[in-house]
Protein backbone atom coordinates (compact mmCIF):
# COMPACT_ATOMS: atom_id res chain seq x y z
CA MET A 1 1.06 -87.43 -3.29
CA THR A 2 1.26 -90.55 -5.00
CA THR A 3 -1.73 -93.21 -5.20
CA ASP A 4 0.43 -96.16 -4.77
CA SER A 5 1.53 -95.41 -0.90
CA SER A 6 0.56 -96.25 1.92
CA PRO A 7 -1.98 -94.83 4.59
CA ALA A 8 0.69 -94.59 7.16
CA ASP A 9 2.61 -92.52 4.10
CA ALA A 10 -0.09 -90.43 3.75
CA PHE A 11 -0.57 -89.86 7.34
CA GLU A 12 2.55 -89.09 7.99
CA ALA A 13 2.77 -86.19 5.06
CA LEU A 14 -0.60 -84.70 6.48
CA ARG A 15 1.53 -84.46 10.29
CA ARG A 16 3.82 -83.11 8.22
CA GLU A 17 1.63 -80.21 6.73
CA VAL A 18 0.32 -79.55 9.98
CA ALA A 19 3.39 -79.37 11.07
CA LEU A 20 4.60 -76.99 9.09
CA LEU A 21 1.24 -74.77 8.82
CA ARG A 22 1.70 -74.50 12.90
CA ARG A 23 5.19 -72.90 12.54
CA ALA A 24 4.08 -70.30 10.42
CA LEU A 25 1.28 -69.41 12.64
CA GLU A 26 2.95 -69.71 15.53
CA GLY A 27 5.97 -67.65 13.13
CA LEU A 28 2.96 -65.05 12.30
CA ALA A 29 1.69 -64.75 16.44
CA ALA A 30 5.47 -63.87 16.78
CA GLU A 31 5.68 -61.50 14.31
CA GLN A 32 3.07 -59.61 15.42
CA LYS A 33 4.24 -59.55 19.47
CA ALA A 34 7.34 -58.13 18.09
CA GLN A 35 5.70 -54.97 16.32
CA PRO A 36 5.33 -51.79 18.14
CA ASP A 37 2.33 -50.53 19.66
CA TYR A 38 1.26 -47.54 17.53
CA SER A 39 -1.81 -46.84 19.53
CA GLY A 40 -0.94 -43.47 21.01
CA ILE A 41 1.51 -42.24 18.69
CA LEU A 42 -1.79 -42.28 16.08
CA ALA A 43 -4.50 -40.93 18.73
CA GLY A 44 -2.00 -38.31 19.17
CA ILE A 45 -1.66 -37.55 15.28
CA GLY A 46 -5.37 -37.65 15.45
CA ALA A 47 -5.74 -34.60 18.43
CA ARG A 48 -3.02 -32.82 16.09
CA ILE A 49 -5.33 -33.23 12.77
CA LYS A 50 -8.14 -32.17 14.72
CA GLU A 51 -6.86 -28.96 16.02
CA GLN A 52 -5.19 -28.25 12.82
CA ASN A 53 -8.66 -28.49 11.43
CA ALA A 54 -10.39 -26.09 13.51
CA ALA A 55 -7.47 -24.28 12.57
CA LEU A 56 -8.07 -23.79 9.33
CA GLY A 57 -11.91 -23.67 9.87
CA ALA A 58 -10.99 -20.16 11.58
CA MET A 59 -8.55 -19.71 8.85
CA ALA A 60 -11.80 -19.92 5.93
CA ASP A 61 -13.90 -18.26 7.82
CA ALA A 62 -11.29 -15.33 7.63
CA PRO A 63 -12.85 -11.90 5.30
CA ALA A 64 -9.88 -11.80 3.71
CA LEU A 65 -10.05 -15.09 2.24
CA GLN A 66 -13.71 -14.93 1.95
CA VAL A 67 -12.53 -11.71 -0.66
CA THR A 68 -12.92 -13.00 -4.38
CA PRO A 69 -10.45 -11.21 -6.89
CA GLU A 70 -13.00 -9.41 -8.58
CA VAL A 71 -14.31 -7.65 -4.82
CA MET A 72 -10.47 -7.36 -4.21
CA GLY A 73 -10.01 -5.38 -7.71
CA GLN A 74 -12.81 -3.40 -6.85
CA GLN A 75 -11.73 -2.61 -3.80
CA ILE A 76 -8.29 -1.50 -4.86
CA LEU A 77 -10.01 0.66 -7.22
CA ARG A 78 -12.11 2.53 -4.71
CA ALA A 79 -9.00 3.06 -2.09
CA SER A 80 -6.85 4.48 -5.04
CA GLU A 81 -9.69 6.50 -6.48
CA GLN A 82 -9.65 8.18 -2.96
CA VAL A 83 -6.40 8.70 -2.97
CA ARG A 84 -6.23 10.37 -6.32
CA ALA A 85 -9.20 12.32 -4.86
CA GLU A 86 -7.07 13.75 -1.93
CA ASP A 87 -3.55 14.32 -3.74
CA ALA A 88 -6.20 16.43 -6.68
CA ARG A 89 -7.94 18.48 -3.73
CA LEU A 90 -4.23 19.35 -2.13
CA LEU A 91 -2.96 20.46 -5.55
CA GLU A 92 -6.03 22.44 -5.92
CA HIS A 93 -5.12 23.86 -2.66
CA ALA A 94 -1.65 24.03 -4.04
CA HIS A 95 -2.47 25.50 -7.21
CA ASN A 96 -4.99 28.12 -5.91
CA GLY A 97 -2.31 29.15 -2.89
CA MET A 98 0.51 29.76 -5.99
CA THR A 99 -1.96 32.01 -8.15
CA SER A 100 -3.07 34.08 -4.31
CA ALA A 101 0.90 34.56 -4.23
CA ALA A 102 1.53 35.47 -7.88
CA ARG A 103 -1.00 38.07 -7.37
CA GLN A 104 -0.07 39.50 -5.14
CA ILE A 105 3.79 39.78 -6.29
CA GLU A 106 1.68 41.56 -9.46
CA ALA A 107 -0.19 43.48 -7.07
CA THR A 108 3.41 45.09 -4.94
CA LEU A 109 5.15 44.99 -8.39
CA ALA A 110 2.13 47.17 -9.92
CA THR A 111 2.02 49.32 -6.68
CA ALA A 112 6.09 49.82 -6.88
CA ARG A 113 5.55 51.01 -10.26
CA THR A 114 3.26 53.28 -9.29
CA ALA A 115 5.04 54.44 -6.67
CA GLN A 116 8.05 55.14 -9.47
CA GLU A 117 6.07 56.60 -12.03
CA GLN A 118 4.43 59.12 -9.03
CA GLN A 119 8.09 59.71 -8.02
CA ARG A 120 9.17 60.65 -11.24
CA ALA A 121 5.78 62.57 -12.21
CA ARG A 122 6.79 64.56 -8.85
CA VAL A 123 10.61 65.36 -10.35
CA TRP A 124 9.01 66.46 -13.97
CA ALA A 125 6.06 68.64 -11.91
CA ALA A 126 9.24 69.95 -9.43
CA SER A 127 11.20 70.70 -12.80
CA VAL A 128 8.60 72.33 -14.68
CA GLY A 129 7.36 74.47 -11.74
CA ALA A 130 11.02 75.64 -10.81
CA ILE A 131 11.80 76.33 -14.80
CA VAL A 132 8.85 78.59 -14.66
CA GLY A 133 9.48 80.09 -11.16
CA ALA A 134 12.24 80.84 -12.62
CA LEU A 135 11.07 82.68 -15.65
CA PHE A 136 7.93 83.90 -13.84
CA CYS A 137 10.53 85.82 -11.46
CA ALA A 138 12.83 87.29 -14.31
CA ILE A 139 10.00 88.55 -16.05
CA ILE A 140 8.89 90.29 -12.54
CA ALA A 141 12.25 90.95 -11.77
CA LEU A 142 12.52 92.71 -15.60
CA ALA A 143 9.36 94.37 -14.94
CA TRP A 144 9.74 95.88 -11.69
CA LYS A 145 12.82 97.14 -13.37
CA TYR A 146 11.31 98.77 -15.98
CA THR A 147 8.47 99.78 -13.66
CA ILE A 148 10.29 101.31 -11.03
CA TYR A 149 12.62 104.07 -13.15
């Protein structure tokens, strides 16, 4: 505004400014009325967030999530030691079974060798007995021949 203007010009400029402000405010009000109402959607989102927070709280209380890596490592170590102990027991049992079977086989073979050796001894004894018996019969026959005449 210039200083050499009349009061009527000043009022006219003021009127134009006020009219401009009124149109701007009416435009803002119209824009605000044209925006959709998101309150229902936001309430639904809020309810779902509460449900998810409750579910996450339940998950956070789960024992698996309470375990630290160190504790889990110790649990894995204990479990592996138990499994290895069971395996060692089974291997010892199998070893004892194999040792027992080997002893039985050795005993059977020894018995078979003994039976074979006994059979061989019997054959030798029978052969020697037959030879001695034949010699004895020959000696008796000769002695008999000379004593009868």
